Amino acid sequence: MNQLDYFIYETLEVAPSPLTKGRLLEVICNQFGVTEEQLKGKSRNSNLNQARQFYIWFLYKKGLIRTLVEIGEEVNRNHATVIHTRNKLDYESKQYEDVKLLSKEIESRL
């Protein structure tokens, strides 16, 4: 948030809009240069897979979808994929600086 945005929010007491599933999807797709169809498709391309994993992880972290099954359905996968992704990115975000930086970059765009 830049100074002007901060001033507007503080002066007018307007809260930033809450995060939505659509906004998260838009940010992830822009970050990785993929489309929604590609993200939710069957391809196992490494860039698509990473985008999909971050989308799943942020859906879980932000509580935008409550159950693992529903998160899996959102990306045409099963709940086991969601569990694996959550555990993997929880670990990698603590251990690897590049994952931590990417996570912070995505977070800042939300």
N, C-alpha and C. Protein backbone atom coordinates (compact mmCIF):
# COMPACT_ATOMS: atom_id res chain seq x y z
N MET A 1 0.86 -1.16 0.00
CA MET A 1 0.00 0.00 0.00
C MET A 1 0.91 1.23 0.00
N ASN A 2 0.72 2.11 -0.97
CA ASN A 2 1.54 3.31 -1.02
C ASN A 2 0.98 4.38 -0.07
N GLN A 3 1.68 5.51 0.03
CA GLN A 3 1.28 6.55 0.98
C GLN A 3 -0.09 7.14 0.67
N LEU A 4 -0.38 7.31 -0.63
CA LEU A 4 -1.68 7.86 -1.00
C LEU A 4 -2.81 6.92 -0.59
N ASP A 5 -2.63 5.63 -0.87
CA ASP A 5 -3.65 4.66 -0.46
C ASP A 5 -3.82 4.67 1.05
N TYR A 6 -2.72 4.72 1.76
CA TYR A 6 -2.78 4.73 3.22
C TYR A 6 -3.54 5.96 3.71
N PHE A 7 -3.24 7.11 3.12
CA PHE A 7 -3.91 8.35 3.49
C PHE A 7 -5.41 8.25 3.23
N ILE A 8 -5.79 7.73 2.07
CA ILE A 8 -7.20 7.58 1.73
C ILE A 8 -7.90 6.65 2.71
N TYR A 9 -7.29 5.50 2.98
CA TYR A 9 -7.92 4.55 3.90
C TYR A 9 -8.03 5.12 5.31
N GLU A 10 -6.98 5.80 5.77
CA GLU A 10 -7.01 6.37 7.11
C GLU A 10 -7.98 7.55 7.20
N THR A 11 -7.99 8.40 6.19
CA THR A 11 -8.82 9.59 6.21
C THR A 11 -10.31 9.24 6.03
N LEU A 12 -10.58 8.40 5.08
CA LEU A 12 -11.98 8.07 4.77
C LEU A 12 -12.48 6.86 5.55
N GLU A 13 -11.59 6.23 6.29
CA GLU A 13 -11.92 5.03 7.06
C GLU A 13 -12.52 3.95 6.17
N VAL A 14 -11.90 3.77 5.00
CA VAL A 14 -12.33 2.74 4.07
C VAL A 14 -11.38 1.56 4.22
N ALA A 15 -11.92 0.42 4.50
CA ALA A 15 -11.08 -0.76 4.65
C ALA A 15 -10.81 -1.36 3.28
N PRO A 16 -9.62 -1.93 3.09
CA PRO A 16 -9.36 -2.61 1.82
C PRO A 16 -10.36 -3.76 1.65
N SER A 17 -10.69 -4.06 0.41
CA SER A 17 -11.66 -5.12 0.18
C SER A 17 -11.08 -6.46 0.62
N PRO A 18 -11.93 -7.33 1.14
CA PRO A 18 -11.44 -8.63 1.60
C PRO A 18 -10.98 -9.47 0.41
N LEU A 19 -10.05 -10.33 0.70
CA LEU A 19 -9.52 -11.22 -0.33
C LEU A 19 -10.59 -12.20 -0.78
N THR A 20 -10.67 -12.38 -2.08
CA THR A 20 -11.61 -13.36 -2.64
C THR A 20 -10.83 -14.42 -3.41
N LYS A 21 -11.50 -15.50 -3.68
CA LYS A 21 -10.92 -16.58 -4.46
C LYS A 21 -10.53 -16.08 -5.85
N GLY A 22 -11.38 -15.25 -6.44
CA GLY A 22 -11.12 -14.70 -7.77
C GLY A 22 -9.89 -13.81 -7.79
N ARG A 23 -9.74 -12.98 -6.76
CA ARG A 23 -8.57 -12.10 -6.68
C ARG A 23 -7.29 -12.92 -6.52
N LEU A 24 -7.33 -13.94 -5.68
CA LEU A 24 -6.18 -14.82 -5.49
C LEU A 24 -5.81 -15.50 -6.80
N LEU A 25 -6.80 -16.00 -7.51
CA LEU A 25 -6.57 -16.67 -8.79
C LEU A 25 -5.93 -15.71 -9.78
N GLU A 26 -6.42 -14.48 -9.83
CA GLU A 26 -5.86 -13.47 -10.73
C GLU A 26 -4.39 -13.18 -10.42
N VAL A 27 -4.08 -13.02 -9.14
CA VAL A 27 -2.70 -12.72 -8.72
C VAL A 27 -1.77 -13.89 -9.05
N ILE A 28 -2.19 -15.10 -8.75
CA ILE A 28 -1.37 -16.28 -9.02
C ILE A 28 -1.14 -16.43 -10.52
N CYS A 29 -2.19 -16.30 -11.31
CA CYS A 29 -2.05 -16.44 -12.77
C CYS A 29 -1.12 -15.38 -13.33
N ASN A 30 -1.23 -14.15 -12.87
CA ASN A 30 -0.33 -13.08 -13.32
C ASN A 30 1.11 -13.34 -12.89
N GLN A 31 1.29 -13.79 -11.67
CA GLN A 31 2.63 -14.04 -11.13
C GLN A 31 3.37 -15.10 -11.95
N PHE A 32 2.65 -16.14 -12.34
CA PHE A 32 3.28 -17.27 -13.03
C PHE A 32 3.08 -17.25 -14.54
N GLY A 33 2.29 -16.30 -15.04
CA GLY A 33 2.06 -16.21 -16.48
C GLY A 33 1.27 -17.38 -17.04
N VAL A 34 0.24 -17.79 -16.31
CA VAL A 34 -0.62 -18.89 -16.74
C VAL A 34 -2.07 -18.42 -16.78
N THR A 35 -2.91 -19.19 -17.44
CA THR A 35 -4.34 -18.89 -17.45
C THR A 35 -5.06 -19.73 -16.41
N GLU A 36 -6.29 -19.35 -16.12
CA GLU A 36 -7.09 -20.12 -15.18
C GLU A 36 -7.30 -21.55 -15.68
N GLU A 37 -7.53 -21.69 -16.98
CA GLU A 37 -7.75 -23.01 -17.56
C GLU A 37 -6.50 -23.88 -17.40
N GLN A 38 -5.34 -23.29 -17.62
CA GLN A 38 -4.09 -24.04 -17.46
C GLN A 38 -3.89 -24.44 -16.01
N LEU A 39 -4.14 -23.51 -15.09
CA LEU A 39 -3.94 -23.77 -13.66
C LEU A 39 -4.82 -24.91 -13.19
N LYS A 40 -6.04 -24.97 -13.71
CA LYS A 40 -6.98 -26.00 -13.27
C LYS A 40 -6.97 -27.22 -14.17
N GLY A 41 -6.08 -27.23 -15.17
CA GLY A 41 -6.00 -28.34 -16.12
C GLY A 41 -5.20 -29.52 -15.61
N LYS A 42 -4.95 -30.45 -16.49
CA LYS A 42 -4.27 -31.69 -16.13
C LYS A 42 -2.76 -31.67 -16.32
N SER A 43 -2.25 -30.64 -16.97
CA SER A 43 -0.82 -30.58 -17.27
C SER A 43 0.02 -30.63 -16.01
N ARG A 44 1.17 -31.29 -16.12
CA ARG A 44 2.11 -31.37 -15.00
C ARG A 44 3.37 -30.57 -15.28
N ASN A 45 3.29 -29.64 -16.23
CA ASN A 45 4.39 -28.73 -16.53
C ASN A 45 4.85 -28.10 -15.22
N SER A 46 6.16 -27.95 -15.03
CA SER A 46 6.68 -27.49 -13.74
C SER A 46 6.19 -26.10 -13.37
N ASN A 47 6.09 -25.18 -14.34
CA ASN A 47 5.60 -23.84 -14.03
C ASN A 47 4.12 -23.88 -13.63
N LEU A 48 3.33 -24.67 -14.35
CA LEU A 48 1.92 -24.81 -14.00
C LEU A 48 1.75 -25.48 -12.65
N ASN A 49 2.58 -26.47 -12.41
CA ASN A 49 2.50 -27.18 -11.14
C ASN A 49 2.83 -26.25 -9.97
N GLN A 50 3.84 -25.42 -10.13
CA GLN A 50 4.20 -24.48 -9.07
C GLN A 50 3.08 -23.46 -8.85
N ALA A 51 2.51 -22.95 -9.92
CA ALA A 51 1.40 -22.01 -9.80
C ALA A 51 0.22 -22.66 -9.08
N ARG A 52 -0.09 -23.88 -9.46
CA ARG A 52 -1.20 -24.61 -8.84
C ARG A 52 -0.93 -24.83 -7.36
N GLN A 53 0.31 -25.18 -7.03
CA GLN A 53 0.65 -25.41 -5.62
C GLN A 53 0.49 -24.14 -4.79
N PHE A 54 0.95 -23.02 -5.32
CA PHE A 54 0.80 -21.77 -4.57
C PHE A 54 -0.66 -21.38 -4.45
N TYR A 55 -1.45 -21.63 -5.48
CA TYR A 55 -2.88 -21.33 -5.41
C TYR A 55 -3.53 -22.18 -4.32
N ILE A 56 -3.25 -23.46 -4.30
CA ILE A 56 -3.78 -24.36 -3.27
C ILE A 56 -3.35 -23.89 -1.89
N TRP A 57 -2.08 -23.59 -1.75
CA TRP A 57 -1.53 -23.20 -0.45
C TRP A 57 -2.18 -21.93 0.08
N PHE A 58 -2.34 -20.94 -0.79
CA PHE A 58 -2.96 -19.70 -0.35
C PHE A 58 -4.45 -19.87 -0.09
N LEU A 59 -5.14 -20.70 -0.86
CA LEU A 59 -6.54 -21.00 -0.56
C LEU A 59 -6.65 -21.56 0.86
N TYR A 60 -5.74 -22.46 1.19
CA TYR A 60 -5.74 -23.07 2.52
C TYR A 60 -5.36 -22.06 3.60
N LYS A 61 -4.24 -21.35 3.38
CA LYS A 61 -3.74 -20.41 4.39
C LYS A 61 -4.72 -19.30 4.70
N LYS A 62 -5.37 -18.80 3.66
CA LYS A 62 -6.28 -17.66 3.83
C LYS A 62 -7.69 -18.08 4.21
N GLY A 63 -7.94 -19.38 4.23
CA GLY A 63 -9.26 -19.89 4.61
C GLY A 63 -10.36 -19.54 3.63
N LEU A 64 -9.99 -19.37 2.35
CA LEU A 64 -10.98 -18.99 1.35
C LEU A 64 -11.91 -20.15 1.01
N ILE A 65 -11.41 -21.36 1.15
CA ILE A 65 -12.24 -22.56 1.02
C ILE A 65 -11.93 -23.40 2.25
N ARG A 66 -12.95 -23.86 2.90
CA ARG A 66 -12.77 -24.49 4.22
C ARG A 66 -12.25 -25.92 4.21
N THR A 67 -12.72 -26.76 3.30
CA THR A 67 -12.32 -28.17 3.39
C THR A 67 -11.28 -28.53 2.34
N LEU A 68 -10.50 -29.54 2.65
CA LEU A 68 -9.48 -30.03 1.73
C LEU A 68 -10.10 -30.57 0.46
N VAL A 69 -11.24 -31.22 0.58
CA VAL A 69 -11.92 -31.77 -0.59
C VAL A 69 -12.35 -30.65 -1.53
N GLU A 70 -12.92 -29.58 -0.96
CA GLU A 70 -13.36 -28.45 -1.79
C GLU A 70 -12.19 -27.75 -2.47
N ILE A 71 -11.07 -27.62 -1.76
CA ILE A 71 -9.88 -27.02 -2.37
C ILE A 71 -9.42 -27.89 -3.53
N GLY A 72 -9.38 -29.20 -3.32
CA GLY A 72 -9.00 -30.12 -4.38
C GLY A 72 -9.92 -30.01 -5.58
N GLU A 73 -11.21 -29.92 -5.34
CA GLU A 73 -12.17 -29.78 -6.44
C GLU A 73 -11.96 -28.48 -7.20
N GLU A 74 -11.53 -27.44 -6.52
CA GLU A 74 -11.28 -26.14 -7.16
C GLU A 74 -10.22 -26.25 -8.26
N VAL A 75 -9.25 -27.14 -8.08
CA VAL A 75 -8.17 -27.30 -9.06
C VAL A 75 -8.19 -28.67 -9.73
N ASN A 76 -9.33 -29.35 -9.65
CA ASN A 76 -9.51 -30.66 -10.28
C ASN A 76 -8.50 -31.70 -9.78
N ARG A 77 -8.26 -31.68 -8.50
CA ARG A 77 -7.38 -32.65 -7.85
C ARG A 77 -8.12 -33.22 -6.64
N ASN A 78 -7.48 -34.17 -5.95
CA ASN A 78 -8.13 -34.72 -4.77
C ASN A 78 -7.52 -34.13 -3.49
N HIS A 79 -8.11 -34.48 -2.37
CA HIS A 79 -7.68 -33.91 -1.09
C HIS A 79 -6.24 -34.30 -0.75
N ALA A 80 -5.77 -35.45 -1.21
CA ALA A 80 -4.40 -35.88 -0.93
C ALA A 80 -3.39 -34.92 -1.56
N THR A 81 -3.71 -34.41 -2.74
CA THR A 81 -2.85 -33.43 -3.39
C THR A 81 -2.78 -32.15 -2.55
N VAL A 82 -3.91 -31.77 -1.99
CA VAL A 82 -3.97 -30.57 -1.15
C VAL A 82 -3.12 -30.76 0.11
N ILE A 83 -3.22 -31.90 0.73
CA ILE A 83 -2.42 -32.19 1.93
C ILE A 83 -0.94 -32.17 1.60
N HIS A 84 -0.56 -32.84 0.51
CA HIS A 84 0.84 -32.88 0.10
C HIS A 84 1.36 -31.47 -0.18
N THR A 85 0.58 -30.68 -0.90
CA THR A 85 0.99 -29.32 -1.24
C THR A 85 1.14 -28.46 0.01
N ARG A 86 0.18 -28.55 0.90
CA ARG A 86 0.24 -27.77 2.15
C ARG A 86 1.50 -28.11 2.94
N ASN A 87 1.76 -29.38 3.11
CA ASN A 87 2.94 -29.80 3.88
C ASN A 87 4.22 -29.38 3.18
N LYS A 88 4.27 -29.55 1.87
CA LYS A 88 5.46 -29.22 1.09
C LYS A 88 5.78 -27.73 1.17
N LEU A 89 4.78 -26.88 0.92
CA LEU A 89 5.05 -25.44 0.92
C LEU A 89 5.22 -24.87 2.33
N ASP A 90 4.57 -25.47 3.32
CA ASP A 90 4.83 -25.06 4.71
C ASP A 90 6.30 -25.27 5.04
N TYR A 91 6.82 -26.43 4.66
CA TYR A 91 8.23 -26.74 4.90
C TYR A 91 9.15 -25.85 4.07
N GLU A 92 8.90 -25.79 2.76
CA GLU A 92 9.79 -25.04 1.87
C GLU A 92 9.79 -23.55 2.17
N SER A 93 8.68 -23.00 2.62
CA SER A 93 8.63 -21.57 2.92
C SER A 93 9.47 -21.22 4.14
N LYS A 94 9.77 -22.20 4.95
CA LYS A 94 10.63 -21.98 6.12
C LYS A 94 12.10 -22.28 5.81
N GLN A 95 12.33 -23.18 4.85
CA GLN A 95 13.69 -23.65 4.58
C GLN A 95 14.38 -22.95 3.41
N TYR A 96 13.62 -22.51 2.43
CA TYR A 96 14.22 -21.99 1.20
C TYR A 96 13.86 -20.52 0.99
N GLU A 97 14.88 -19.72 0.83
CA GLU A 97 14.70 -18.28 0.69
C GLU A 97 13.89 -17.91 -0.56
N ASP A 98 14.10 -18.62 -1.68
CA ASP A 98 13.37 -18.29 -2.90
C ASP A 98 11.87 -18.52 -2.76
N VAL A 99 11.49 -19.57 -2.06
CA VAL A 99 10.07 -19.84 -1.82
C VAL A 99 9.50 -18.80 -0.86
N LYS A 100 10.26 -18.44 0.13
CA LYS A 100 9.84 -17.42 1.08
C LYS A 100 9.62 -16.08 0.38
N LEU A 101 10.55 -15.70 -0.49
CA LEU A 101 10.43 -14.44 -1.22
C LEU A 101 9.24 -14.47 -2.18
N LEU A 102 9.04 -15.57 -2.87
CA LEU A 102 7.90 -15.68 -3.78
C LEU A 102 6.59 -15.59 -3.01
N SER A 103 6.54 -16.23 -1.87
CA SER A 103 5.35 -16.17 -1.03
C SER A 103 5.07 -14.73 -0.59
N LYS A 104 6.10 -14.02 -0.20
CA LYS A 104 5.93 -12.62 0.23
C LYS A 104 5.51 -11.74 -0.94
N GLU A 105 6.05 -12.01 -2.12
CA GLU A 105 5.67 -11.25 -3.32
C GLU A 105 4.19 -11.43 -3.63
N ILE A 106 3.72 -12.66 -3.58
CA ILE A 106 2.31 -12.94 -3.84
C ILE A 106 1.46 -12.28 -2.77
N GLU A 107 1.87 -12.42 -1.54
CA GLU A 107 1.14 -11.83 -0.41
C GLU A 107 0.99 -10.31 -0.57
N SER A 108 2.05 -9.66 -1.02
CA SER A 108 2.01 -8.21 -1.19
C SER A 108 1.05 -7.77 -2.29
N ARG A 109 0.83 -8.64 -3.27
CA ARG A 109 -0.07 -8.31 -4.38
C ARG A 109 -1.54 -8.56 -4.02
N LEU A 110 -1.77 -9.29 -2.97
CA LEU A 110 -3.14 -9.58 -2.57
C LEU A 110 -3.74 -8.36 -1.91
